[in-house]
Every structure is written in C-alpha cells, then in structure tokens.
Amino acid sequence: WGNKAPPVSADEVKAIRAEIASRDQAWTPDELLKIP
C-alpha cells in the first residue's frame, strides 16, 4: 500500500519476544510511545 519500511527479521521478533516474555497484557499507546 505504498509503505516503504525495511523488512523485519525473525531474529528481531525473537529478541523482543524474549525481552518481554513475562508480559501478559496488551500494550497501551502511552507505553508504546516510551519505546524508541
């Protein structure tokens, strides 16, 4: 749809999955805005 983001790798997903493994709730927009 005209987006131009670079690809996301499975390794990136794996790293974040491990980093937030204990999280069991949805994110709020305010929480996400704190993430660079």
All heavy atoms as atom14 arrays in JSON, in Angstrom:
{
  "sequence": "WGNKAPPVSADEVKAIRAEIASRDQAWTPDELLKIP",
  "atom14_mask": [
    [1, 1, 1, 1, 1, 1, 1, 1, 1, 1, 1, 1, 1, 1],
    [1, 1, 1, 1, 0, 0, 0, 0, 0, 0, 0, 0, 0, 0],
    [1, 1, 1, 1, 1, 1, 1, 1, 0, 0, 0, 0, 0, 0],
    [1, 1, 1, 1, 1, 1, 1, 1, 1, 0, 0, 0, 0, 0],
    [1, 1, 1, 1, 1, 0, 0, 0, 0, 0, 0, 0, 0, 0],
    [1, 1, 1, 1, 1, 1, 1, 0, 0, 0, 0, 0, 0, 0],
    [1, 1, 1, 1, 1, 1, 1, 0, 0, 0, 0, 0, 0, 0],
    [1, 1, 1, 1, 1, 1, 1, 0, 0, 0, 0, 0, 0, 0],
    [1, 1, 1, 1, 1, 1, 0, 0, 0, 0, 0, 0, 0, 0],
    [1, 1, 1, 1, 1, 0, 0, 0, 0, 0, 0, 0, 0, 0],
    [1, 1, 1, 1, 1, 1, 1, 1, 0, 0, 0, 0, 0, 0],
    [1, 1, 1, 1, 1, 1, 1, 1, 1, 0, 0, 0, 0, 0],
    [1, 1, 1, 1, 1, 1, 1, 0, 0, 0, 0, 0, 0, 0],
    [1, 1, 1, 1, 1, 1, 1, 1, 1, 0, 0, 0, 0, 0],
    [1, 1, 1, 1, 1, 0, 0, 0, 0, 0, 0, 0, 0, 0],
    [1, 1, 1, 1, 1, 1, 1, 1, 0, 0, 0, 0, 0, 0],
    [1, 1, 1, 1, 1, 1, 1, 1, 1, 1, 1, 0, 0, 0],
    [1, 1, 1, 1, 1, 0, 0, 0, 0, 0, 0, 0, 0, 0],
    [1, 1, 1, 1, 1, 1, 1, 1, 1, 0, 0, 0, 0, 0],
    [1, 1, 1, 1, 1, 1, 1, 1, 0, 0, 0, 0, 0, 0],
    [1, 1, 1, 1, 1, 0, 0, 0, 0, 0, 0, 0, 0, 0],
    [1, 1, 1, 1, 1, 1, 0, 0, 0, 0, 0, 0, 0, 0],
    [1, 1, 1, 1, 1, 1, 1, 1, 1, 1, 1, 0, 0, 0],
    [1, 1, 1, 1, 1, 1, 1, 1, 0, 0, 0, 0, 0, 0],
    [1, 1, 1, 1, 1, 1, 1, 1, 1, 0, 0, 0, 0, 0],
    [1, 1, 1, 1, 1, 0, 0, 0, 0, 0, 0, 0, 0, 0],
    [1, 1, 1, 1, 1, 1, 1, 1, 1, 1, 1, 1, 1, 1],
    [1, 1, 1, 1, 1, 1, 1, 0, 0, 0, 0, 0, 0, 0],
    [1, 1, 1, 1, 1, 1, 1, 0, 0, 0, 0, 0, 0, 0],
    [1, 1, 1, 1, 1, 1, 1, 1, 0, 0, 0, 0, 0, 0],
    [1, 1, 1, 1, 1, 1, 1, 1, 1, 0, 0, 0, 0, 0],
    [1, 1, 1, 1, 1, 1, 1, 1, 0, 0, 0, 0, 0, 0],
    [1, 1, 1, 1, 1, 1, 1, 1, 0, 0, 0, 0, 0, 0],
    [1, 1, 1, 1, 1, 1, 1, 1, 1, 0, 0, 0, 0, 0],
    [1, 1, 1, 1, 1, 1, 1, 1, 0, 0, 0, 0, 0, 0],
    [1, 1, 1, 1, 1, 1, 1, 0, 0, 0, 0, 0, 0, 0]
  ],
  "atom14_positions": [
    [[0.81, -1.23, 0.0], [0.0, 0.0, 0.0], [0.84, 1.27, 0.0], [0.47, 2.28, 0.6], [-0.98, 0.03, 1.18], [-1.79, -1.22, 1.27], [-2.75, -1.63, 0.39], [-1.69, -2.24, 2.27], [-3.27, -2.85, 0.8], [-2.63, -3.24, 1.95], [-0.91, -2.41, 3.4], [-2.81, -4.38, 2.71], [-1.08, -3.54, 4.16], [-2.02, -4.51, 3.81]],
    [[1.99, 1.22, -0.64], [2.85, 2.39, -0.72], [3.77, 2.59, 0.47], [4.53, 3.55, 0.52], [0.0, 0.0, 0.0], [0.0, 0.0, 0.0], [0.0, 0.0, 0.0], [0.0, 0.0, 0.0], [0.0, 0.0, 0.0], [0.0, 0.0, 0.0], [0.0, 0.0, 0.0], [0.0, 0.0, 0.0], [0.0, 0.0, 0.0], [0.0, 0.0, 0.0]],
    [[3.72, 1.71, 1.47], [4.62, 1.8, 2.62], [6.04, 1.45, 2.18], [6.23, 0.66, 1.26], [4.17, 0.86, 3.74], [2.83, 1.25, 4.31], [2.53, 2.43, 4.45], [2.02, 0.27, 4.63], [0.0, 0.0, 0.0], [0.0, 0.0, 0.0], [0.0, 0.0, 0.0], [0.0, 0.0, 0.0], [0.0, 0.0, 0.0], [0.0, 0.0, 0.0]],
    [[7.02, 2.03, 2.85], [8.41, 1.83, 2.45], [9.31, 1.41, 3.61], [10.47, 1.75, 3.65], [8.95, 3.1, 1.8], [8.13, 3.52, 0.58], [8.9, 4.4, -0.34], [8.11, 4.89, -1.52], [7.33, 3.94, -2.24], [0.0, 0.0, 0.0], [0.0, 0.0, 0.0], [0.0, 0.0, 0.0], [0.0, 0.0, 0.0], [0.0, 0.0, 0.0]],
    [[8.77, 0.66, 4.56], [9.58, 0.2, 5.7], [10.48, -0.96, 5.28], [10.08, -1.8, 4.47], [8.67, -0.24, 6.84], [0.0, 0.0, 0.0], [0.0, 0.0, 0.0], [0.0, 0.0, 0.0], [0.0, 0.0, 0.0], [0.0, 0.0, 0.0], [0.0, 0.0, 0.0], [0.0, 0.0, 0.0], [0.0, 0.0, 0.0], [0.0, 0.0, 0.0]],
    [[11.67, -1.02, 5.83], [12.55, -2.16, 5.55], [11.96, -3.45, 6.14], [11.08, -3.39, 7.0], [13.86, -1.8, 6.27], [13.75, -0.37, 6.63], [12.3, -0.03, 6.69], [0.0, 0.0, 0.0], [0.0, 0.0, 0.0], [0.0, 0.0, 0.0], [0.0, 0.0, 0.0], [0.0, 0.0, 0.0], [0.0, 0.0, 0.0], [0.0, 0.0, 0.0]],
    [[12.44, -4.59, 5.71], [11.92, -5.86, 6.24], [12.2, -6.03, 7.73], [13.16, -5.47, 8.26], [12.66, -6.92, 5.44], [13.62, -6.23, 4.57], [13.46, -4.77, 4.71], [0.0, 0.0, 0.0], [0.0, 0.0, 0.0], [0.0, 0.0, 0.0], [0.0, 0.0, 0.0], [0.0, 0.0, 0.0], [0.0, 0.0, 0.0], [0.0, 0.0, 0.0]],
    [[11.35, -6.81, 8.38], [11.53, -7.19, 9.78], [12.03, -8.63, 9.78], [11.5, -9.46, 9.05], [10.19, -7.08, 10.54], [10.35, -7.58, 11.98], [9.68, -5.64, 10.53], [0.0, 0.0, 0.0], [0.0, 0.0, 0.0], [0.0, 0.0, 0.0], [0.0, 0.0, 0.0], [0.0, 0.0, 0.0], [0.0, 0.0, 0.0], [0.0, 0.0, 0.0]],
    [[13.03, -8.92, 10.58], [13.58, -10.28, 10.61], [12.99, -11.09, 11.76], [12.56, -10.55, 12.78], [15.1, -10.24, 10.74], [15.47, -9.88, 12.06], [0.0, 0.0, 0.0], [0.0, 0.0, 0.0], [0.0, 0.0, 0.0], [0.0, 0.0, 0.0], [0.0, 0.0, 0.0], [0.0, 0.0, 0.0], [0.0, 0.0, 0.0], [0.0, 0.0, 0.0]],
    [[13.01, -12.4, 11.58], [12.57, -13.3, 12.65], [13.46, -13.14, 13.88], [12.98, -13.28, 15.02], [12.58, -14.74, 12.15], [0.0, 0.0, 0.0], [0.0, 0.0, 0.0], [0.0, 0.0, 0.0], [0.0, 0.0, 0.0], [0.0, 0.0, 0.0], [0.0, 0.0, 0.0], [0.0, 0.0, 0.0], [0.0, 0.0, 0.0], [0.0, 0.0, 0.0]],
    [[14.74, -12.82, 13.69], [15.64, -12.61, 14.82], [15.23, -11.4, 15.66], [15.35, -11.41, 16.88], [17.09, -12.45, 14.36], [17.7, -13.77, 13.9], [17.18, -14.85, 14.28], [18.69, -13.73, 13.15], [0.0, 0.0, 0.0], [0.0, 0.0, 0.0], [0.0, 0.0, 0.0], [0.0, 0.0, 0.0], [0.0, 0.0, 0.0], [0.0, 0.0, 0.0]],
    [[14.75, -10.34, 14.99], [14.27, -9.16, 15.72], [13.05, -9.54, 16.57], [12.95, -9.14, 17.73], [13.89, -8.04, 14.76], [15.07, -7.39, 14.08], [14.62, -6.39, 13.03], [14.04, -6.8, 12.01], [14.86, -5.19, 13.26], [0.0, 0.0, 0.0], [0.0, 0.0, 0.0], [0.0, 0.0, 0.0], [0.0, 0.0, 0.0], [0.0, 0.0, 0.0]],
    [[12.14, -10.29, 15.97], [10.94, -10.72, 16.7], [11.35, -11.6, 17.88], [10.86, -11.42, 19.0], [9.96, -11.46, 15.77], [8.75, -11.96, 16.56], [9.52, -10.56, 14.63], [0.0, 0.0, 0.0], [0.0, 0.0, 0.0], [0.0, 0.0, 0.0], [0.0, 0.0, 0.0], [0.0, 0.0, 0.0], [0.0, 0.0, 0.0], [0.0, 0.0, 0.0]],
    [[12.26, -12.53, 17.64], [12.72, -13.44, 18.69], [13.33, -12.67, 19.86], [13.06, -12.97, 21.03], [13.75, -14.41, 18.11], [14.29, -15.41, 19.11], [15.3, -16.34, 18.46], [15.86, -17.32, 19.46], [16.85, -18.22, 18.85], [0.0, 0.0, 0.0], [0.0, 0.0, 0.0], [0.0, 0.0, 0.0], [0.0, 0.0, 0.0], [0.0, 0.0, 0.0]],
    [[14.13, -11.65, 19.56], [14.78, -10.87, 20.62], [13.74, -10.12, 21.47], [13.84, -10.1, 22.7], [15.77, -9.88, 20.0], [0.0, 0.0, 0.0], [0.0, 0.0, 0.0], [0.0, 0.0, 0.0], [0.0, 0.0, 0.0], [0.0, 0.0, 0.0], [0.0, 0.0, 0.0], [0.0, 0.0, 0.0], [0.0, 0.0, 0.0], [0.0, 0.0, 0.0]],
    [[12.76, -9.54, 20.82], [11.74, -8.8, 21.58], [10.84, -9.77, 22.32], [10.46, -9.52, 23.47], [10.95, -7.85, 20.65], [11.89, -6.71, 20.22], [9.71, -7.3, 21.36], [11.3, -5.72, 19.27], [0.0, 0.0, 0.0], [0.0, 0.0, 0.0], [0.0, 0.0, 0.0], [0.0, 0.0, 0.0], [0.0, 0.0, 0.0], [0.0, 0.0, 0.0]],
    [[10.52, -10.9, 21.7], [9.7, -11.9, 22.4], [10.38, -12.32, 23.7], [9.75, -12.42, 24.75], [9.47, -13.12, 21.5], [8.51, -14.14, 22.1], [8.46, -15.42, 21.26], [7.87, -15.27, 19.97], [6.59, -15.48, 19.67], [5.75, -15.83, 20.62], [6.15, -15.35, 18.43], [0.0, 0.0, 0.0], [0.0, 0.0, 0.0], [0.0, 0.0, 0.0]],
    [[11.7, -12.55, 23.64], [12.44, -12.94, 24.85], [12.47, -11.81, 25.87], [12.33, -12.04, 27.08], [13.87, -13.36, 24.47], [0.0, 0.0, 0.0], [0.0, 0.0, 0.0], [0.0, 0.0, 0.0], [0.0, 0.0, 0.0], [0.0, 0.0, 0.0], [0.0, 0.0, 0.0], [0.0, 0.0, 0.0], [0.0, 0.0, 0.0], [0.0, 0.0, 0.0]],
    [[12.64, -10.59, 25.38], [12.73, -9.42, 26.27], [11.44, -9.2, 27.05], [11.47, -8.79, 28.21], [13.05, -8.19, 25.42], [13.18, -6.9, 26.19], [13.44, -5.73, 25.27], [14.12, -5.9, 24.24], [12.94, -4.64, 25.58], [0.0, 0.0, 0.0], [0.0, 0.0, 0.0], [0.0, 0.0, 0.0], [0.0, 0.0, 0.0], [0.0, 0.0, 0.0]],
    [[10.3, -9.47, 26.43], [9.01, -9.19, 27.07], [8.25, -10.47, 27.42], [7.03, -10.47, 27.59], [8.13, -8.27, 26.19], [7.78, -8.93, 24.86], [8.81, -6.93, 25.99], [6.76, -8.17, 24.04], [0.0, 0.0, 0.0], [0.0, 0.0, 0.0], [0.0, 0.0, 0.0], [0.0, 0.0, 0.0], [0.0, 0.0, 0.0], [0.0, 0.0, 0.0]],
    [[8.98, -11.58, 27.57], [8.35, -12.89, 27.79], [7.4, -12.92, 28.99], [6.39, -13.61, 28.97], [9.43, -13.96, 27.96], [0.0, 0.0, 0.0], [0.0, 0.0, 0.0], [0.0, 0.0, 0.0], [0.0, 0.0, 0.0], [0.0, 0.0, 0.0], [0.0, 0.0, 0.0], [0.0, 0.0, 0.0], [0.0, 0.0, 0.0], [0.0, 0.0, 0.0]],
    [[7.69, -12.16, 30.02], [6.84, -12.2, 31.21], [5.61, -11.31, 31.1], [4.73, -11.36, 31.96], [7.65, -11.81, 32.45], [8.09, -10.46, 32.32], [0.0, 0.0, 0.0], [0.0, 0.0, 0.0], [0.0, 0.0, 0.0], [0.0, 0.0, 0.0], [0.0, 0.0, 0.0], [0.0, 0.0, 0.0], [0.0, 0.0, 0.0], [0.0, 0.0, 0.0]],
    [[5.51, -10.52, 30.07], [4.37, -9.61, 29.91], [3.15, -10.41, 29.45], [3.23, -11.16, 28.49], [4.69, -8.51, 28.91], [3.57, -7.48, 28.81], [3.9, -6.38, 27.83], [2.83, -5.41, 27.81], [2.77, -4.31, 28.55], [3.76, -4.03, 29.38], [1.74, -3.49, 28.46], [0.0, 0.0, 0.0], [0.0, 0.0, 0.0], [0.0, 0.0, 0.0]],
    [[2.02, -10.2, 30.13], [0.82, -10.94, 29.77], [-0.37, -10.03, 29.46], [-1.5, -10.47, 29.42], [0.45, -11.93, 30.88], [0.15, -11.25, 32.2], [0.3, -10.01, 32.29], [-0.25, -11.95, 33.15], [0.0, 0.0, 0.0], [0.0, 0.0, 0.0], [0.0, 0.0, 0.0], [0.0, 0.0, 0.0], [0.0, 0.0, 0.0], [0.0, 0.0, 0.0]],
    [[-0.1, -8.76, 29.23], [-1.19, -7.83, 28.93], [-0.9, -7.05, 27.66], [0.24, -6.97, 27.22], [-1.4, -6.87, 30.09], [-0.24, -5.91, 30.28], [0.01, -5.54, 31.72], [-0.12, -6.37, 32.6], [0.38, -4.32, 31.97], [0.0, 0.0, 0.0], [0.0, 0.0, 0.0], [0.0, 0.0, 0.0], [0.0, 0.0, 0.0], [0.0, 0.0, 0.0]],
    [[-1.96, -6.48, 27.09], [-1.83, -5.67, 25.89], [-1.09, -4.38, 26.23], [-1.1, -3.91, 27.37], [-3.21, -5.36, 25.31], [0.0, 0.0, 0.0], [0.0, 0.0, 0.0], [0.0, 0.0, 0.0], [0.0, 0.0, 0.0], [0.0, 0.0, 0.0], [0.0, 0.0, 0.0], [0.0, 0.0, 0.0], [0.0, 0.0, 0.0], [0.0, 0.0, 0.0]],
    [[-0.46, -3.8, 25.23], [0.22, -2.51, 25.38], [-0.81, -1.39, 25.32], [-1.83, -1.51, 24.67], [1.23, -2.32, 24.24], [2.35, -3.31, 24.28], [2.41, -4.49, 23.61], [3.53, -3.23, 25.06], [3.57, -5.14, 23.92], [4.28, -4.39, 24.8], [4.03, -2.29, 25.95], [5.51, -4.63, 25.4], [5.26, -2.53, 26.53], [5.98, -3.69, 26.26]],
    [[-0.48, -0.29, 25.97], [-1.26, 0.92, 25.8], [-0.46, 1.85, 24.89], [0.77, 1.74, 24.81], [-1.52, 1.63, 27.14], [-0.26, 2.11, 27.66], [-2.2, 0.71, 28.14], [0.0, 0.0, 0.0], [0.0, 0.0, 0.0], [0.0, 0.0, 0.0], [0.0, 0.0, 0.0], [0.0, 0.0, 0.0], [0.0, 0.0, 0.0], [0.0, 0.0, 0.0]],
    [[-1.13, 2.78, 24.22], [-0.38, 3.72, 23.39], [0.69, 4.48, 24.18], [1.79, 4.69, 23.68], [-1.47, 4.66, 22.86], [-2.69, 3.78, 22.8], [-2.58, 2.91, 24.03], [0.0, 0.0, 0.0], [0.0, 0.0, 0.0], [0.0, 0.0, 0.0], [0.0, 0.0, 0.0], [0.0, 0.0, 0.0], [0.0, 0.0, 0.0], [0.0, 0.0, 0.0]],
    [[0.38, 4.88, 25.41], [1.37, 5.62, 26.22], [2.62, 4.78, 26.48], [3.74, 5.3, 26.43], [0.76, 6.06, 27.55], [-0.24, 7.18, 27.39], [-0.22, 7.88, 26.36], [-1.06, 7.37, 28.31], [0.0, 0.0, 0.0], [0.0, 0.0, 0.0], [0.0, 0.0, 0.0], [0.0, 0.0, 0.0], [0.0, 0.0, 0.0], [0.0, 0.0, 0.0]],
    [[2.45, 3.5, 26.74], [3.62, 2.63, 26.96], [4.45, 2.53, 25.69], [5.68, 2.58, 25.74], [3.17, 1.22, 27.36], [2.6, 1.11, 28.75], [2.09, -0.28, 29.03], [1.33, -0.84, 28.2], [2.45, -0.82, 30.09], [0.0, 0.0, 0.0], [0.0, 0.0, 0.0], [0.0, 0.0, 0.0], [0.0, 0.0, 0.0], [0.0, 0.0, 0.0]],
    [[3.78, 2.37, 24.56], [4.5, 2.22, 23.29], [5.27, 3.47, 22.92], [6.34, 3.39, 22.33], [3.52, 1.85, 22.17], [2.96, 0.44, 22.25], [1.85, 0.27, 21.23], [4.04, -0.6, 22.06], [0.0, 0.0, 0.0], [0.0, 0.0, 0.0], [0.0, 0.0, 0.0], [0.0, 0.0, 0.0], [0.0, 0.0, 0.0], [0.0, 0.0, 0.0]],
    [[4.73, 4.65, 23.25], [5.42, 5.89, 22.91], [6.73, 6.05, 23.66], [7.59, 6.83, 23.26], [4.51, 7.09, 23.16], [3.37, 7.24, 22.15], [2.43, 8.36, 22.58], [3.9, 7.48, 20.75], [0.0, 0.0, 0.0], [0.0, 0.0, 0.0], [0.0, 0.0, 0.0], [0.0, 0.0, 0.0], [0.0, 0.0, 0.0], [0.0, 0.0, 0.0]],
    [[6.91, 5.31, 24.74], [8.16, 5.36, 25.51], [9.25, 4.49, 24.88], [10.39, 4.53, 25.3], [7.9, 4.92, 26.94], [7.01, 5.88, 27.69], [6.69, 5.37, 29.07], [5.7, 6.32, 29.75], [5.2, 5.78, 31.0], [0.0, 0.0, 0.0], [0.0, 0.0, 0.0], [0.0, 0.0, 0.0], [0.0, 0.0, 0.0], [0.0, 0.0, 0.0]],
    [[8.88, 3.69, 23.88], [9.83, 2.79, 23.23], [10.37, 3.49, 21.99], [9.6, 3.88, 21.11], [9.14, 1.46, 22.84], [8.63, 0.78, 24.1], [10.1, 0.57, 22.07], [7.69, -0.36, 23.84], [0.0, 0.0, 0.0], [0.0, 0.0, 0.0], [0.0, 0.0, 0.0], [0.0, 0.0, 0.0], [0.0, 0.0, 0.0], [0.0, 0.0, 0.0]],
    [[11.69, 3.68, 21.89], [12.25, 4.35, 20.72], [11.92, 3.63, 19.43], [11.78, 2.41, 19.39], [13.76, 4.31, 20.97], [13.91, 4.11, 22.43], [12.71, 3.3, 22.85], [0.0, 0.0, 0.0], [0.0, 0.0, 0.0], [0.0, 0.0, 0.0], [0.0, 0.0, 0.0], [0.0, 0.0, 0.0], [0.0, 0.0, 0.0], [0.0, 0.0, 0.0]]
  ]
}
